[in-house]
Amino acid sequence: MARHLCGSHLVDALYFICGERGFYYSPSIVEQCCHKPCSIHHLEDYCN
């Protein structure tokens, strides 16, 4: 299910999905997940 995730909601989702692996921040994630909906699989692309 694709959702719009912005600000702290986006960061919380990345912590939840990536866990101990951590994640890296890219400005494109805001474009892809806040301005448009994105899926869990898309968020996993930002995990380390």
PDB file of N, CA and C in Angstrom:
ATOM      1  N   MET A   1       0.847  -1.183   0.000  1.00  0.00           N
ATOM      2  CA  MET A   1       0.000   0.000   0.000  1.00  0.00           C
ATOM      3  C   MET A   1       0.894   1.248   0.000  1.00  0.00           C
ATOM      4  N   ALA A   2       0.680   2.108  -0.927  1.00  0.00           N
ATOM      5  CA  ALA A   2       1.471   3.335  -1.046  1.00  0.00           C
ATOM      6  C   ALA A   2       0.854   4.426  -0.171  1.00  0.00           C
ATOM      7  N   ARG A   3       1.731   5.182   0.498  1.00  0.00           N
ATOM      8  CA  ARG A   3       1.273   6.256   1.377  1.00  0.00           C
ATOM      9  C   ARG A   3       2.143   7.479   1.202  1.00  0.00           C
ATOM     10  N   HIS A   4       1.564   8.623   1.540  1.00  0.00           N
ATOM     11  CA  HIS A   4       2.340   9.863   1.620  1.00  0.00           C
ATOM     12  C   HIS A   4       2.983   9.898   3.000  1.00  0.00           C
ATOM     13  N   LEU A   5       4.295  10.050   3.059  1.00  0.00           N
ATOM     14  CA  LEU A   5       5.013  10.133   4.330  1.00  0.00           C
ATOM     15  C   LEU A   5       5.887  11.375   4.307  1.00  0.00           C
ATOM     16  N   CYS A   6       5.659  12.257   5.268  1.00  0.00           N
ATOM     17  CA  CYS A   6       6.407  13.513   5.321  1.00  0.00           C
ATOM     18  C   CYS A   6       6.975  13.722   6.720  1.00  0.00           C
ATOM     19  N   GLY A   7       8.068  14.459   6.796  1.00  0.00           N
ATOM     20  CA  GLY A   7       8.651  14.862   8.073  1.00  0.00           C
ATOM     21  C   GLY A   7       8.929  13.699   9.003  1.00  0.00           C
ATOM     22  N   SER A   8       8.464  13.829  10.249  1.00  0.00           N
ATOM     23  CA  SER A   8       8.753  12.806  11.261  1.00  0.00           C
ATOM     24  C   SER A   8       8.106  11.473  10.918  1.00  0.00           C
ATOM     25  N   HIS A   9       6.991  11.491  10.188  1.00  0.00           N
ATOM     26  CA  HIS A   9       6.354  10.231   9.784  1.00  0.00           C
ATOM     27  C   HIS A   9       7.257   9.458   8.828  1.00  0.00           C
ATOM     28  N   LEU A  10       7.924  10.171   7.950  1.00  0.00           N
ATOM     29  CA  LEU A  10       8.850   9.547   7.006  1.00  0.00           C
ATOM     30  C   LEU A  10      10.052   8.970   7.747  1.00  0.00           C
ATOM     31  N   VAL A  11      10.617   9.736   8.664  1.00  0.00           N
ATOM     32  CA  VAL A  11      11.774   9.265   9.436  1.00  0.00           C
ATOM     33  C   VAL A  11      11.385   8.053  10.286  1.00  0.00           C
ATOM     34  N   ASP A  12      10.232   8.103  10.936  1.00  0.00           N
ATOM     35  CA  ASP A  12       9.775   6.973  11.756  1.00  0.00           C
ATOM     36  C   ASP A  12       9.599   5.717  10.907  1.00  0.00           C
ATOM     37  N   ALA A  13       9.046   5.872   9.711  1.00  0.00           N
ATOM     38  CA  ALA A  13       8.862   4.723   8.819  1.00  0.00           C
ATOM     39  C   ALA A  13      10.206   4.135   8.412  1.00  0.00           C
ATOM     40  N   LEU A  14      11.183   4.986   8.124  1.00  0.00           N
ATOM     41  CA  LEU A  14      12.518   4.500   7.751  1.00  0.00           C
ATOM     42  C   LEU A  14      13.177   3.762   8.915  1.00  0.00           C
ATOM     43  N   TYR A  15      13.065   4.288  10.137  1.00  0.00           N
ATOM     44  CA  TYR A  15      13.609   3.593  11.315  1.00  0.00           C
ATOM     45  C   TYR A  15      12.950   2.225  11.473  1.00  0.00           C
ATOM     46  N   PHE A  16      11.642   2.170  11.285  1.00  0.00           N
ATOM     47  CA  PHE A  16      10.899   0.921  11.449  1.00  0.00           C
ATOM     48  C   PHE A  16      11.301  -0.101  10.391  1.00  0.00           C
ATOM     49  N   ILE A  17      11.381   0.332   9.141  1.00  0.00           N
ATOM     50  CA  ILE A  17      11.673  -0.580   8.031  1.00  0.00           C
ATOM     51  C   ILE A  17      13.143  -0.988   8.006  1.00  0.00           C
ATOM     52  N   CYS A  18      14.038  -0.043   8.221  1.00  0.00           N
ATOM     53  CA  CYS A  18      15.475  -0.329   8.101  1.00  0.00           C
ATOM     54  C   CYS A  18      16.075  -0.901   9.382  1.00  0.00           C
ATOM     55  N   GLY A  19      15.496  -0.584  10.524  1.00  0.00           N
ATOM     56  CA  GLY A  19      15.986  -1.118  11.791  1.00  0.00           C
ATOM     57  C   GLY A  19      17.452  -0.810  12.017  1.00  0.00           C
ATOM     58  N   GLU A  20      18.189  -1.822  12.455  1.00  0.00           N
ATOM     59  CA  GLU A  20      19.600  -1.642  12.801  1.00  0.00           C
ATOM     60  C   GLU A  20      20.484  -1.347  11.596  1.00  0.00           C
ATOM     61  N   ARG A  21      19.998  -1.652  10.404  1.00  0.00           N
ATOM     62  CA  ARG A  21      20.781  -1.345   9.196  1.00  0.00           C
ATOM     63  C   ARG A  21      20.970   0.150   9.042  1.00  0.00           C
ATOM     64  N   GLY A  22      20.002   0.917   9.529  1.00  0.00           N
ATOM     65  CA  GLY A  22      20.048   2.363   9.354  1.00  0.00           C
ATOM     66  C   GLY A  22      19.646   2.741   7.937  1.00  0.00           C
ATOM     67  N   PHE A  23      19.670   4.020   7.659  1.00  0.00           N
ATOM     68  CA  PHE A  23      19.281   4.505   6.336  1.00  0.00           C
ATOM     69  C   PHE A  23      20.056   5.769   6.026  1.00  0.00           C
ATOM     70  N   TYR A  24      20.087   6.111   4.760  1.00  0.00           N
ATOM     71  CA  TYR A  24      20.742   7.354   4.357  1.00  0.00           C
ATOM     72  C   TYR A  24      19.683   8.316   3.853  1.00  0.00           C
ATOM     73  N   TYR A  25      19.919   9.594   4.071  1.00  0.00           N
ATOM     74  CA  TYR A  25      18.965  10.618   3.656  1.00  0.00           C
ATOM     75  C   TYR A  25      19.319  11.113   2.267  1.00  0.00           C
ATOM     76  N   SER A  26      18.320  11.184   1.439  1.00  0.00           N
ATOM     77  CA  SER A  26      18.478  11.752   0.105  1.00  0.00           C
ATOM     78  C   SER A  26      17.309  12.706  -0.121  1.00  0.00           C
ATOM     79  N   PRO A  27      17.562  13.907  -0.634  1.00  0.00           N
ATOM     80  CA  PRO A  27      16.452  14.832  -0.892  1.00  0.00           C
ATOM     81  C   PRO A  27      15.376  14.234  -1.797  1.00  0.00           C
ATOM     82  N   SER A  28      15.749  13.286  -2.635  1.00  0.00           N
ATOM     83  CA  SER A  28      14.767  12.697  -3.552  1.00  0.00           C
ATOM     84  C   SER A  28      13.696  11.901  -2.815  1.00  0.00           C
ATOM     85  N   ILE A  29      13.987  11.430  -1.595  1.00  0.00           N
ATOM     86  CA  ILE A  29      12.982  10.655  -0.869  1.00  0.00           C
ATOM     87  C   ILE A  29      11.785  11.532  -0.505  1.00  0.00           C
ATOM     88  N   VAL A  30      12.020  12.818  -0.268  1.00  0.00           N
ATOM     89  CA  VAL A  30      10.910  13.730   0.029  1.00  0.00           C
ATOM     90  C   VAL A  30      10.031  13.875  -1.205  1.00  0.00           C
ATOM     91  N   GLU A  31      10.654  14.037  -2.355  1.00  0.00           N
ATOM     92  CA  GLU A  31       9.901  14.140  -3.610  1.00  0.00           C
ATOM     93  C   GLU A  31       9.112  12.860  -3.866  1.00  0.00           C
ATOM     94  N   GLN A  32       9.739  11.722  -3.602  1.00  0.00           N
ATOM     95  CA  GLN A  32       9.127  10.442  -3.950  1.00  0.00           C
ATOM     96  C   GLN A  32       8.149   9.923  -2.908  1.00  0.00           C
ATOM     97  N   CYS A  33       8.276  10.325  -1.646  1.00  0.00           N
ATOM     98  CA  CYS A  33       7.421   9.759  -0.597  1.00  0.00           C
ATOM     99  C   CYS A  33       6.530  10.771   0.115  1.00  0.00           C
ATOM    100  N   CYS A  34       6.837  12.051  -0.001  1.00  0.00           N
ATOM    101  CA  CYS A  34       5.995  13.069   0.629  1.00  0.00           C
ATOM    102  C   CYS A  34       5.064  13.691  -0.410  1.00  0.00           C
ATOM    103  N   HIS A  35       5.631  14.146  -1.502  1.00  0.00           N
ATOM    104  CA  HIS A  35       4.822  14.785  -2.541  1.00  0.00           C
ATOM    105  C   HIS A  35       3.988  13.768  -3.309  1.00  0.00           C
ATOM    106  N   LYS A  36       4.502  12.539  -3.408  1.00  0.00           N
ATOM    107  CA  LYS A  36       3.782  11.441  -4.057  1.00  0.00           C
ATOM    108  C   LYS A  36       3.771  10.269  -3.083  1.00  0.00           C
ATOM    109  N   PRO A  37       2.816   9.361  -3.194  1.00  0.00           N
ATOM    110  CA  PRO A  37       2.834   8.197  -2.301  1.00  0.00           C
ATOM    111  C   PRO A  37       3.935   7.213  -2.700  1.00  0.00           C
ATOM    112  N   CYS A  38       4.520   6.539  -1.706  1.00  0.00           N
ATOM    113  CA  CYS A  38       5.505   5.501  -2.008  1.00  0.00           C
ATOM    114  C   CYS A  38       5.208   4.261  -1.175  1.00  0.00           C
ATOM    115  N   SER A  39       5.782   3.143  -1.581  1.00  0.00           N
ATOM    116  CA  SER A  39       5.526   1.864  -0.925  1.00  0.00           C
ATOM    117  C   SER A  39       6.658   1.504   0.031  1.00  0.00           C
ATOM    118  N   ILE A  40       6.431   0.486   0.836  1.00  0.00           N
ATOM    119  CA  ILE A  40       7.459  -0.028   1.745  1.00  0.00           C
ATOM    120  C   ILE A  40       8.674  -0.462   0.948  1.00  0.00           C
ATOM    121  N   HIS A  41       8.451  -1.103  -0.186  1.00  0.00           N
ATOM    122  CA  HIS A  41       9.574  -1.574  -1.002  1.00  0.00           C
ATOM    123  C   HIS A  41      10.427  -0.402  -1.479  1.00  0.00           C
ATOM    124  N   HIS A  42       9.795   0.705  -1.773  1.00  0.00           N
ATOM    125  CA  HIS A  42      10.546   1.885  -2.205  1.00  0.00           C
ATOM    126  C   HIS A  42      11.370   2.437  -1.041  1.00  0.00           C
ATOM    127  N   LEU A  43      10.794   2.452   0.150  1.00  0.00           N
ATOM    128  CA  LEU A  43      11.523   2.936   1.328  1.00  0.00           C
ATOM    129  C   LEU A  43      12.741   2.064   1.615  1.00  0.00           C
ATOM    130  N   GLU A  44      12.629   0.764   1.369  1.00  0.00           N
ATOM    131  CA  GLU A  44      13.752  -0.149   1.611  1.00  0.00           C
ATOM    132  C   GLU A  44      14.969   0.212   0.768  1.00  0.00           C
ATOM    133  N   ASP A  45      14.762   0.877  -0.342  1.00  0.00           N
ATOM    134  CA  ASP A  45      15.886   1.295  -1.193  1.00  0.00           C
ATOM    135  C   ASP A  45      16.800   2.292  -0.476  1.00  0.00           C
ATOM    136  N   TYR A  46      16.298   2.940   0.576  1.00  0.00           N
ATOM    137  CA  TYR A  46      17.084   3.934   1.303  1.00  0.00           C
ATOM    138  C   TYR A  46      17.779   3.353   2.532  1.00  0.00           C
ATOM    139  N   CYS A  47      17.591   2.058   2.786  1.00  0.00           N
ATOM    140  CA  CYS A  47      18.289   1.412   3.906  1.00  0.00           C
ATOM    141  C   CYS A  47      19.749   1.194   3.536  1.00  0.00           C
ATOM    142  N   ASN A  48      20.627   1.232   4.536  1.00  0.00           N
ATOM    143  CA  ASN A  48      22.051   0.963   4.310  1.00  0.00           C
ATOM    144  C   ASN A  48      22.266  -0.517   4.048  1.00  0.00           C
TER     145      ASN A  48
END
